[in-house]
């Protein structure tokens, strides 16, 4: 079925005779520029049951799927409608991925949300916009620092200037795209994301996960390459720290990487008295 210069193919029979419910797309516009590739659009809802022999119709830019034969060769009498633009909510839980508002120009009066919640522990989300083409300034992409739109707003974007990368302070990030019913539209946006280690954690290449910084060290920023040893005069007795605690007044440590206040010794000219350092 051809919708806005993109050919969509749903379901059918696989090479082993199994019934399918996958969706594939082929862009005629991209093919004209020499880019020949089938892609699998991201579904923002559950897909119809596997089937073959069904009917596909075009109705007001929506693809209608009618009936067909199911997996057990029973006659299906259902009807489904799908549009090329985004709608509703979609949760993405992989450690990295790509998403967009859909193929071609975006539709009017849409409100769709992408909740990015990687399952990786001790991680934040870094969001990259590949491109943005939102010509009506009343149409916008909003980015929130959490699992819904009640979370703090990290940014609001329109136009054609590609925003800089955004990193959440939470374990998830929400992207909302809203368009009104008038004005000039555009192609929408495409974005990618990946889970990055949160402050207080770093990537363990052997275990392929984020691990908390050990005692006596810290990492202050997300996606830090390594943990930093606590400087002389500080210590940290907990794992996963984002800072180190200062030694008590008039005391310091001999070396960096101290793991408790016990390592803090009185500086020259002072002596320990009742747990504090007093002048000689």
C-alpha atoms as a PDB file:
ATOM      1  CA  UNK A   1       0.000   0.000   0.000  1.00  0.00           C
ATOM      2  CA  UNK A   2       1.407   3.408  -1.021  1.00  0.00           C
ATOM      3  CA  UNK A   3       0.993   6.268   1.476  1.00  0.00           C
ATOM      4  CA  UNK A   4       2.745   9.598   0.821  1.00  0.00           C
ATOM      5  CA  UNK A   5       5.437   8.094  -1.461  1.00  0.00           C
ATOM      6  CA  UNK A   6       6.119   5.242   0.988  1.00  0.00           C
ATOM      7  CA  UNK A   7       5.126   1.635   0.293  1.00  0.00           C
ATOM      8  CA  UNK A   8       3.968  -0.391   3.309  1.00  0.00           C
ATOM      9  CA  UNK A   9       3.701  -4.188   3.465  1.00  0.00           C
ATOM     10  CA  UNK A  10       1.986  -5.928   6.386  1.00  0.00           C
ATOM     11  CA  UNK A  11       1.859  -9.619   7.273  1.00  0.00           C
ATOM     12  CA  UNK A  12       1.719 -12.542   4.873  1.00  0.00           C
ATOM     13  CA  UNK A  13       3.345 -15.977   4.940  1.00  0.00           C
ATOM     14  CA  UNK A  14       6.979 -16.501   5.930  1.00  0.00           C
ATOM     15  CA  UNK A  15       9.557 -18.749   4.303  1.00  0.00           C
ATOM     16  CA  UNK A  16       8.636 -21.578   6.694  1.00  0.00           C
ATOM     17  CA  UNK A  17       4.903 -21.192   6.183  1.00  0.00           C
ATOM     18  CA  UNK A  18       4.291 -19.280   9.400  1.00  0.00           C
ATOM     19  CA  UNK A  19       1.831 -16.383   9.404  1.00  0.00           C
ATOM     20  CA  UNK A  20       3.377 -12.934   9.955  1.00  0.00           C
ATOM     21  CA  UNK A  21       2.248  -9.648  11.482  1.00  0.00           C
ATOM     22  CA  UNK A  22       5.335  -7.536  10.749  1.00  0.00           C
ATOM     23  CA  UNK A  23       5.289  -4.168   9.011  1.00  0.00           C
ATOM     24  CA  UNK A  24       7.867  -3.052   6.446  1.00  0.00           C
ATOM     25  CA  UNK A  25       8.277   0.251   4.603  1.00  0.00           C
ATOM     26  CA  UNK A  26      10.052   1.301   1.406  1.00  0.00           C
ATOM     27  CA  UNK A  27      10.531   4.997   0.651  1.00  0.00           C
ATOM     28  CA  UNK A  28      10.091   5.861  -3.014  1.00  0.00           C
ATOM     29  CA  UNK A  29      11.610   9.286  -2.356  1.00  0.00           C
ATOM     30  CA  UNK A  30      14.761   7.722  -0.919  1.00  0.00           C
ATOM     31  CA  UNK A  31      14.897   5.239  -3.793  1.00  0.00           C
ATOM     32  CA  UNK A  32      14.858   8.110  -6.291  1.00  0.00           C
ATOM     33  CA  UNK A  33      18.043   9.412  -4.664  1.00  0.00           C
ATOM     34  CA  UNK A  34      19.697   5.996  -4.817  1.00  0.00           C
ATOM     35  CA  UNK A  35      18.921   4.763  -1.283  1.00  0.00           C
ATOM     36  CA  UNK A  36      17.235   1.391  -1.713  1.00  0.00           C
ATOM     37  CA  UNK A  37      16.296  -0.101   1.644  1.00  0.00           C
ATOM     38  CA  UNK A  38      13.362  -1.692   3.436  1.00  0.00           C
ATOM     39  CA  UNK A  39      12.896  -0.525   7.010  1.00  0.00           C
ATOM     40  CA  UNK A  40      10.674  -1.592   9.899  1.00  0.00           C
ATOM     41  CA  UNK A  41       8.674   1.358  11.288  1.00  0.00           C
ATOM     42  CA  UNK A  42       8.384   1.621  15.066  1.00  0.00           C
ATOM     43  CA  UNK A  43       4.866   0.647  16.151  1.00  0.00           C
ATOM     44  CA  UNK A  44       3.252   2.852  18.792  1.00  0.00           C
ATOM     45  CA  UNK A  45       0.542   0.289  19.570  1.00  0.00           C
ATOM     46  CA  UNK A  46       0.003  -3.459  19.448  1.00  0.00           C
ATOM     47  CA  UNK A  47       0.004  -4.980  15.958  1.00  0.00           C
ATOM     48  CA  UNK A  48      -2.899  -6.901  14.426  1.00  0.00           C
ATOM     49  CA  UNK A  49      -2.759 -10.668  14.792  1.00  0.00           C
ATOM     50  CA  UNK A  50      -0.655 -12.597  12.233  1.00  0.00           C
ATOM     51  CA  UNK A  51      -2.540 -13.186   8.975  1.00  0.00           C
ATOM     52  CA  UNK A  52      -2.430 -13.658   5.224  1.00  0.00           C
ATOM     53  CA  UNK A  53      -4.883 -13.036   2.408  1.00  0.00           C
ATOM     54  CA  UNK A  54      -6.111  -9.846   4.042  1.00  0.00           C
ATOM     55  CA  UNK A  55      -7.217  -6.667   2.284  1.00  0.00           C
ATOM     56  CA  UNK A  56      -5.339  -3.371   2.641  1.00  0.00           C
ATOM     57  CA  UNK A  57      -7.044  -0.114   1.717  1.00  0.00           C
ATOM     58  CA  UNK A  58      -6.087   3.558   1.827  1.00  0.00           C
ATOM     59  CA  UNK A  59      -8.571   5.868   3.582  1.00  0.00           C
ATOM     60  CA  UNK A  60      -7.691   9.506   4.320  1.00  0.00           C
ATOM     61  CA  UNK A  61      -3.940   8.784   4.683  1.00  0.00           C
ATOM     62  CA  UNK A  62      -4.652   5.774   6.924  1.00  0.00           C
ATOM     63  CA  UNK A  63      -4.001   2.129   6.074  1.00  0.00           C
ATOM     64  CA  UNK A  64      -6.993  -0.146   6.714  1.00  0.00           C
ATOM     65  CA  UNK A  65      -6.368  -3.868   7.225  1.00  0.00           C
ATOM     66  CA  UNK A  66      -9.467  -6.026   6.805  1.00  0.00           C
ATOM     67  CA  UNK A  67      -9.892  -9.692   7.682  1.00  0.00           C
ATOM     68  CA  UNK A  68      -7.739 -12.418   6.179  1.00  0.00           C
ATOM     69  CA  UNK A  69      -6.771 -15.894   7.373  1.00  0.00           C
ATOM     70  CA  UNK A  70      -5.283 -16.275  10.842  1.00  0.00           C
ATOM     71  CA  UNK A  71      -2.500 -18.520  12.124  1.00  0.00           C
ATOM     72  CA  UNK A  72      -4.845 -21.508  12.453  1.00  0.00           C
ATOM     73  CA  UNK A  73      -6.407 -20.846   9.023  1.00  0.00           C
ATOM     74  CA  UNK A  74      -9.570 -19.412  10.561  1.00  0.00           C
ATOM     75  CA  UNK A  75     -11.327 -16.575   8.776  1.00  0.00           C
ATOM     76  CA  UNK A  76     -10.712 -13.242  10.536  1.00  0.00           C
ATOM     77  CA  UNK A  77     -13.478 -10.621  10.560  1.00  0.00           C
ATOM     78  CA  UNK A  78     -11.628  -7.753  12.253  1.00  0.00           C
ATOM     79  CA  UNK A  79     -10.594  -4.349  10.928  1.00  0.00           C
ATOM     80  CA  UNK A  80      -7.556  -2.255  11.853  1.00  0.00           C
ATOM     81  CA  UNK A  81      -6.514   1.284  10.974  1.00  0.00           C
ATOM     82  CA  UNK A  82      -2.958   2.630  11.049  1.00  0.00           C
ATOM     83  CA  UNK A  83      -1.466   6.014  10.221  1.00  0.00           C
ATOM     84  CA  UNK A  84       2.089   6.893   9.235  1.00  0.00           C
ATOM     85  CA  UNK A  85       2.402   9.591  11.889  1.00  0.00           C
ATOM     86  CA  UNK A  86       2.954   9.114  15.600  1.00  0.00           C
ATOM     87  CA  UNK A  87       0.093   8.890  18.080  1.00  0.00           C
ATOM     88  CA  UNK A  88      -0.376   7.781  21.668  1.00  0.00           C
ATOM     89  CA  UNK A  89       2.470   6.606  23.885  1.00  0.00           C
ATOM     90  CA  UNK A  90       5.472   4.413  23.129  1.00  0.00           C
ATOM     91  CA  UNK A  91       7.879   3.087  25.775  1.00  0.00           C
ATOM     92  CA  UNK A  92      11.444   2.286  24.659  1.00  0.00           C
ATOM     93  CA  UNK A  93      13.426   0.082  27.052  1.00  0.00           C
ATOM     94  CA  UNK A  94      16.477  -0.941  25.002  1.00  0.00           C
ATOM     95  CA  UNK A  95      19.859   0.493  25.990  1.00  0.00           C
ATOM     96  CA  UNK A  96      19.969   2.416  22.698  1.00  0.00           C
ATOM     97  CA  UNK A  97      17.700   3.088  19.748  1.00  0.00           C
ATOM     98  CA  UNK A  98      16.230   5.493  17.203  1.00  0.00           C
ATOM     99  CA  UNK A  99      12.729   6.913  16.781  1.00  0.00           C
ATOM    100  CA  UNK A 100      10.866   9.588  14.819  1.00  0.00           C
ATOM    101  CA  UNK A 101       7.417  11.049  14.334  1.00  0.00           C
ATOM    102  CA  UNK A 102       6.927   8.873  11.228  1.00  0.00           C
ATOM    103  CA  UNK A 103       7.629   8.966   7.507  1.00  0.00           C
ATOM    104  CA  UNK A 104       6.918  12.055   5.410  1.00  0.00           C
ATOM    105  CA  UNK A 105       5.288  15.282   6.544  1.00  0.00           C
ATOM    106  CA  UNK A 106       3.739  15.076   9.988  1.00  0.00           C
ATOM    107  CA  UNK A 107      -0.003  15.323  10.480  1.00  0.00           C
ATOM    108  CA  UNK A 108      -2.046  18.073  12.126  1.00  0.00           C
ATOM    109  CA  UNK A 109      -3.464  17.780  15.647  1.00  0.00           C
ATOM    110  CA  UNK A 110      -1.153  15.061  16.883  1.00  0.00           C
ATOM    111  CA  UNK A 111       0.065  14.507  20.431  1.00  0.00           C
ATOM    112  CA  UNK A 112       2.487  11.607  20.823  1.00  0.00           C
ATOM    113  CA  UNK A 113       4.910  10.710  23.589  1.00  0.00           C
ATOM    114  CA  UNK A 114       8.035   8.568  23.655  1.00  0.00           C
ATOM    115  CA  UNK A 115       8.998   7.384  27.145  1.00  0.00           C
ATOM    116  CA  UNK A 116      12.611   6.185  27.093  1.00  0.00           C
ATOM    117  CA  UNK A 117      13.326   3.922  30.083  1.00  0.00           C
ATOM    118  CA  UNK A 118      16.413   1.744  29.510  1.00  0.00           C
ATOM    119  CA  UNK A 119      16.437  -1.308  31.760  1.00  0.00           C
ATOM    120  CA  UNK A 120      20.111  -0.750  32.605  1.00  0.00           C
ATOM    121  CA  UNK A 121      20.810   0.077  36.277  1.00  0.00           C
ATOM    122  CA  UNK A 122      22.813   3.155  37.386  1.00  0.00           C
ATOM    123  CA  UNK A 123      22.126   4.878  34.067  1.00  0.00           C
ATOM    124  CA  UNK A 124      20.811   8.150  32.667  1.00  0.00           C
ATOM    125  CA  UNK A 125      19.574   8.758  29.117  1.00  0.00           C
ATOM    126  CA  UNK A 126      21.458  10.784  26.491  1.00  0.00           C
ATOM    127  CA  UNK A 127      19.227  12.055  23.671  1.00  0.00           C
ATOM    128  CA  UNK A 128      20.486  13.155  20.233  1.00  0.00           C
ATOM    129  CA  UNK A 129      18.405  14.792  17.515  1.00  0.00           C
ATOM    130  CA  UNK A 130      19.545  13.634  14.074  1.00  0.00           C
ATOM    131  CA  UNK A 131      17.516  16.386  12.445  1.00  0.00           C
ATOM    132  CA  UNK A 132      14.431  18.518  13.069  1.00  0.00           C
ATOM    133  CA  UNK A 133      12.074  20.099  10.538  1.00  0.00           C
ATOM    134  CA  UNK A 134       9.151  21.772  12.355  1.00  0.00           C
ATOM    135  CA  UNK A 135       8.182  24.884  10.421  1.00  0.00           C
ATOM    136  CA  UNK A 136       5.195  26.091  12.463  1.00  0.00           C
ATOM    137  CA  UNK A 137       6.511  27.509  15.746  1.00  0.00           C
ATOM    138  CA  UNK A 138       3.285  26.414  17.466  1.00  0.00           C
ATOM    139  CA  UNK A 139       4.284  22.802  16.734  1.00  0.00           C
ATOM    140  CA  UNK A 140       6.990  21.704  19.147  1.00  0.00           C
ATOM    141  CA  UNK A 141       9.032  18.856  20.558  1.00  0.00           C
ATOM    142  CA  UNK A 142       9.244  18.875  24.356  1.00  0.00           C
ATOM    143  CA  UNK A 143      11.832  16.913  26.359  1.00  0.00           C
ATOM    144  CA  UNK A 144      11.183  16.071  30.026  1.00  0.00           C
ATOM    145  CA  UNK A 145      13.562  14.781  32.686  1.00  0.00           C
ATOM    146  CA  UNK A 146      11.539  11.757  33.801  1.00  0.00           C
ATOM    147  CA  UNK A 147       8.807   9.239  32.967  1.00  0.00           C
ATOM    148  CA  UNK A 148       6.047  11.714  32.083  1.00  0.00           C
ATOM    149  CA  UNK A 149       5.290  15.330  31.233  1.00  0.00           C
ATOM    150  CA  UNK A 150       5.025  16.231  34.936  1.00  0.00           C
ATOM    151  CA  UNK A 151       8.829  15.918  35.158  1.00  0.00           C
ATOM    152  CA  UNK A 152      11.062  19.013  34.798  1.00  0.00           C
ATOM    153  CA  UNK A 153      11.264  20.386  31.252  1.00  0.00           C
ATOM    154  CA  UNK A 154      14.732  20.003  29.713  1.00  0.00           C
ATOM    155  CA  UNK A 155      13.986  21.726  26.419  1.00  0.00           C
ATOM    156  CA  UNK A 156      11.381  22.821  23.866  1.00  0.00           C
ATOM    157  CA  UNK A 157      12.279  22.856  20.151  1.00  0.00           C
ATOM    158  CA  UNK A 158      10.900  23.988  16.814  1.00  0.00           C
ATOM    159  CA  UNK A 159      12.381  25.161  13.515  1.00  0.00           C
ATOM    160  CA  UNK A 160      15.215  23.464  11.636  1.00  0.00           C
ATOM    161  CA  UNK A 161      18.257  24.001  13.885  1.00  0.00           C
ATOM    162  CA  UNK A 162      19.413  20.679  15.320  1.00  0.00           C
ATOM    163  CA  UNK A 163      19.398  20.844  19.148  1.00  0.00           C
ATOM    164  CA  UNK A 164      22.439  19.839  21.151  1.00  0.00           C
ATOM    165  CA  UNK A 165      22.540  16.496  22.923  1.00  0.00           C
ATOM    166  CA  UNK A 166      20.508  16.318  26.143  1.00  0.00           C
ATOM    167  CA  UNK A 167      21.292  14.093  29.134  1.00  0.00           C
ATOM    168  CA  UNK A 168      18.694  13.336  31.778  1.00  0.00           C
ATOM    169  CA  UNK A 169      19.390  13.448  35.499  1.00  0.00           C
ATOM    170  CA  UNK A 170      16.809  10.693  35.993  1.00  0.00           C
ATOM    171  CA  UNK A 171      16.783   7.102  34.759  1.00  0.00           C
ATOM    172  CA  UNK A 172      14.326   8.004  32.006  1.00  0.00           C
ATOM    173  CA  UNK A 173      13.432  10.782  29.594  1.00  0.00           C
ATOM    174  CA  UNK A 174      10.134  11.668  27.886  1.00  0.00           C
ATOM    175  CA  UNK A 175       9.830  13.219  24.424  1.00  0.00           C
ATOM    176  CA  UNK A 176       6.477  14.751  23.459  1.00  0.00           C
ATOM    177  CA  UNK A 177       5.601  15.981  19.959  1.00  0.00           C
ATOM    178  CA  UNK A 178       2.566  18.240  19.525  1.00  0.00           C
ATOM    179  CA  UNK A 179       1.144  19.840  16.382  1.00  0.00           C
ATOM    180  CA  UNK A 180      -1.882  22.093  15.973  1.00  0.00           C
ATOM    181  CA  UNK A 181      -4.422  22.198  13.181  1.00  0.00           C
ATOM    182  CA  UNK A 182      -3.025  25.038  11.104  1.00  0.00           C
ATOM    183  CA  UNK A 183       0.105  26.615   9.715  1.00  0.00           C
ATOM    184  CA  UNK A 184       2.895  25.067   7.689  1.00  0.00           C
ATOM    185  CA  UNK A 185       4.059  21.670   8.899  1.00  0.00           C
ATOM    186  CA  UNK A 186       7.321  20.009   7.955  1.00  0.00           C
ATOM    187  CA  UNK A 187       8.935  16.588   8.089  1.00  0.00           C
ATOM    188  CA  UNK A 188       9.005  16.394  11.899  1.00  0.00           C
ATOM    189  CA  UNK A 189      12.089  14.976  13.594  1.00  0.00           C
ATOM    190  CA  UNK A 190      14.324  11.968  14.038  1.00  0.00           C
ATOM    191  CA  UNK A 191      16.227  11.244  17.224  1.00  0.00           C
ATOM    192  CA  UNK A 192      18.447   8.618  18.790  1.00  0.00           C
ATOM    193  CA  UNK A 193      19.231   7.772  22.388  1.00  0.00           C
ATOM    194  CA  UNK A 194      21.541   5.656  24.480  1.00  0.00           C
ATOM    195  CA  UNK A 195      21.851   4.774  28.130  1.00  0.00           C
ATOM    196  CA  UNK A 196      24.938   6.316  29.748  1.00  0.00           C
ATOM    197  CA  UNK A 197      26.293   5.690  33.216  1.00  0.00           C
ATOM    198  CA  UNK A 198      24.852   8.087  35.778  1.00  0.00           C
ATOM    199  CA  UNK A 199      27.030  10.238  38.051  1.00  0.00           C
ATOM    200  CA  UNK A 200      28.609   7.935  40.620  1.00  0.00           C
ATOM    201  CA  UNK A 201      28.931   5.036  38.155  1.00  0.00           C
ATOM    202  CA  UNK A 202      31.150   4.069  35.211  1.00  0.00           C
ATOM    203  CA  UNK A 203      31.016   1.520  32.399  1.00  0.00           C
ATOM    204  CA  UNK A 204      32.433  -1.953  33.034  1.00  0.00           C
ATOM    205  CA  UNK A 205      33.395  -3.303  29.602  1.00  0.00           C
ATOM    206  CA  UNK A 206      33.799  -6.861  30.891  1.00  0.00           C
ATOM    207  CA  UNK A 207      30.386  -7.062  32.553  1.00  0.00           C
ATOM    208  CA  UNK A 208      28.773  -4.742  29.953  1.00  0.00           C
ATOM    209  CA  UNK A 209      26.968  -2.655  32.541  1.00  0.00           C
ATOM    210  CA  UNK A 210      27.298   0.446  34.703  1.00  0.00           C
ATOM    211  CA  UNK A 211      28.880  -0.197  38.090  1.00  0.00           C
ATOM    212  CA  UNK A 212      29.049   2.164  41.099  1.00  0.00           C
ATOM    213  CA  UNK A 213      32.361   3.833  41.833  1.00  0.00           C
ATOM    214  CA  UNK A 214      34.217   1.993  44.641  1.00  0.00           C
ATOM    215  CA  UNK A 215      34.822   3.493  48.057  1.00  0.00           C
ATOM    216  CA  UNK A 216      37.419   6.242  48.054  1.00  0.00           C
ATOM    217  CA  UNK A 217      36.416   7.497  44.597  1.00  0.00           C
ATOM    218  CA  UNK A 218      33.666   9.403  42.796  1.00  0.00           C
ATOM    219  CA  UNK A 219      32.371  10.537  39.410  1.00  0.00           C
ATOM    220  CA  UNK A 220      30.604  13.863  39.240  1.00  0.00           C
ATOM    221  CA  UNK A 221      29.115  13.737  35.743  1.00  0.00           C
ATOM    222  CA  UNK A 222      27.128  11.292  33.629  1.00  0.00           C
ATOM    223  CA  UNK A 223      29.041   9.225  31.068  1.00  0.00           C
ATOM    224  CA  UNK A 224      32.345   9.705  32.915  1.00  0.00           C
ATOM    225  CA  UNK A 225      35.109   7.436  31.532  1.00  0.00           C
ATOM    226  CA  UNK A 226      36.545   6.536  34.950  1.00  0.00           C
ATOM    227  CA  UNK A 227      36.027   7.113  38.651  1.00  0.00           C
ATOM    228  CA  UNK A 228      38.333   9.696  40.243  1.00  0.00           C
ATOM    229  CA  UNK A 229      40.167   8.966  43.491  1.00  0.00           C
ATOM    230  CA  UNK A 230      39.244  11.261  46.368  1.00  0.00           C
ATOM    231  CA  UNK A 231      41.898  14.017  46.578  1.00  0.00           C
ATOM    232  CA  UNK A 232      44.224  14.353  49.561  1.00  0.00           C
ATOM    233  CA  UNK A 233      42.258  15.846  52.441  1.00  0.00           C
ATOM    234  CA  UNK A 234      39.011  14.087  51.519  1.00  0.00           C
ATOM    235  CA  UNK A 235      37.475  10.628  51.824  1.00  0.00           C
ATOM    236  CA  UNK A 236      34.381   8.638  50.827  1.00  0.00           C
ATOM    237  CA  UNK A 237      33.209   5.534  52.642  1.00  0.00           C
ATOM    238  CA  UNK A 238      30.209   4.782  50.370  1.00  0.00           C
ATOM    239  CA  UNK A 239      30.108   3.322  46.858  1.00  0.00           C
ATOM    240  CA  UNK A 240      28.492   5.197  43.972  1.00  0.00           C
ATOM    241  CA  UNK A 241      29.557   8.624  45.234  1.00  0.00           C
ATOM    242  CA  UNK A 242      29.342  11.858  43.241  1.00  0.00           C
ATOM    243  CA  UNK A 243      31.611  13.775  45.636  1.00  0.00           C
ATOM    244  CA  UNK A 244      34.091  13.214  48.492  1.00  0.00           C
ATOM    245  CA  UNK A 245      33.743  14.453  52.065  1.00  0.00           C
ATOM    246  CA  UNK A 246      36.277  16.840  53.543  1.00  0.00           C
ATOM    247  CA  UNK A 247      38.397  15.763  56.479  1.00  0.00           C
ATOM    248  CA  UNK A 248      37.585  17.447  59.816  1.00  0.00           C
ATOM    249  CA  UNK A 249      39.139  20.856  60.512  1.00  0.00           C
ATOM    250  CA  UNK A 250      42.957  20.892  60.772  1.00  0.00           C
ATOM    251  CA  UNK A 251      43.297  17.324  59.465  1.00  0.00           C
ATOM    252  CA  UNK A 252      44.144  15.711  56.148  1.00  0.00           C
ATOM    253  CA  UNK A 253      44.933  12.363  54.559  1.00  0.00           C
ATOM    254  CA  UNK A 254      48.396  11.133  53.662  1.00  0.00           C
ATOM    255  CA  UNK A 255      47.376   9.863  50.236  1.00  0.00           C
ATOM    256  CA  UNK A 256      44.413  10.161  47.875  1.00  0.00           C
ATOM    257  CA  UNK A 257      41.639   7.577  47.742  1.00  0.00           C
ATOM    258  CA  UNK A 258      40.855   7.508  51.483  1.00  0.00           C
ATOM    259  CA  UNK A 259      37.820   5.374  52.335  1.00  0.00           C
ATOM    260  CA  UNK A 260      36.923   6.691  55.807  1.00  0.00           C
ATOM    261  CA  UNK A 261      37.442   9.588  58.216  1.00  0.00           C
ATOM    262  CA  UNK A 262      39.849   7.386  60.166  1.00  0.00           C
ATOM    263  CA  UNK A 263      42.407   8.125  57.455  1.00  0.00           C
ATOM    264  CA  UNK A 264      42.275  11.852  58.330  1.00  0.00           C
ATOM    265  CA  UNK A 265      45.254  12.791  60.536  1.00  0.00           C
ATOM    266  CA  UNK A 266      45.979  16.066  62.302  1.00  0.00           C
ATOM    267  CA  UNK A 267      48.274  18.387  60.373  1.00  0.00           C
ATOM    268  CA  UNK A 268      51.653  19.418  61.883  1.00  0.00           C
ATOM    269  CA  UNK A 269      51.211  21.697  64.899  1.00  0.00           C
ATOM    270  CA  UNK A 270      47.987  19.988  65.954  1.00  0.00           C
ATOM    271  CA  UNK A 271      47.217  16.840  67.951  1.00  0.00           C
ATOM    272  CA  UNK A 272      44.141  14.659  68.369  1.00  0.00           C
ATOM    273  CA  UNK A 273      42.024  15.521  71.377  1.00  0.00           C
ATOM    274  CA  UNK A 274      38.582  14.009  71.888  1.00  0.00           C
ATOM    275  CA  UNK A 275      38.148  13.223  68.195  1.00  0.00           C
ATOM    276  CA  UNK A 276      39.184  16.714  67.085  1.00  0.00           C
ATOM    277  CA  UNK A 277      42.470  18.355  66.181  1.00  0.00           C
ATOM    278  CA  UNK A 278      43.713  20.894  68.737  1.00  0.00           C
ATOM    279  CA  UNK A 279      46.656  23.278  68.491  1.00  0.00           C
ATOM    280  CA  UNK A 280      49.767  22.254  70.353  1.00  0.00           C
END
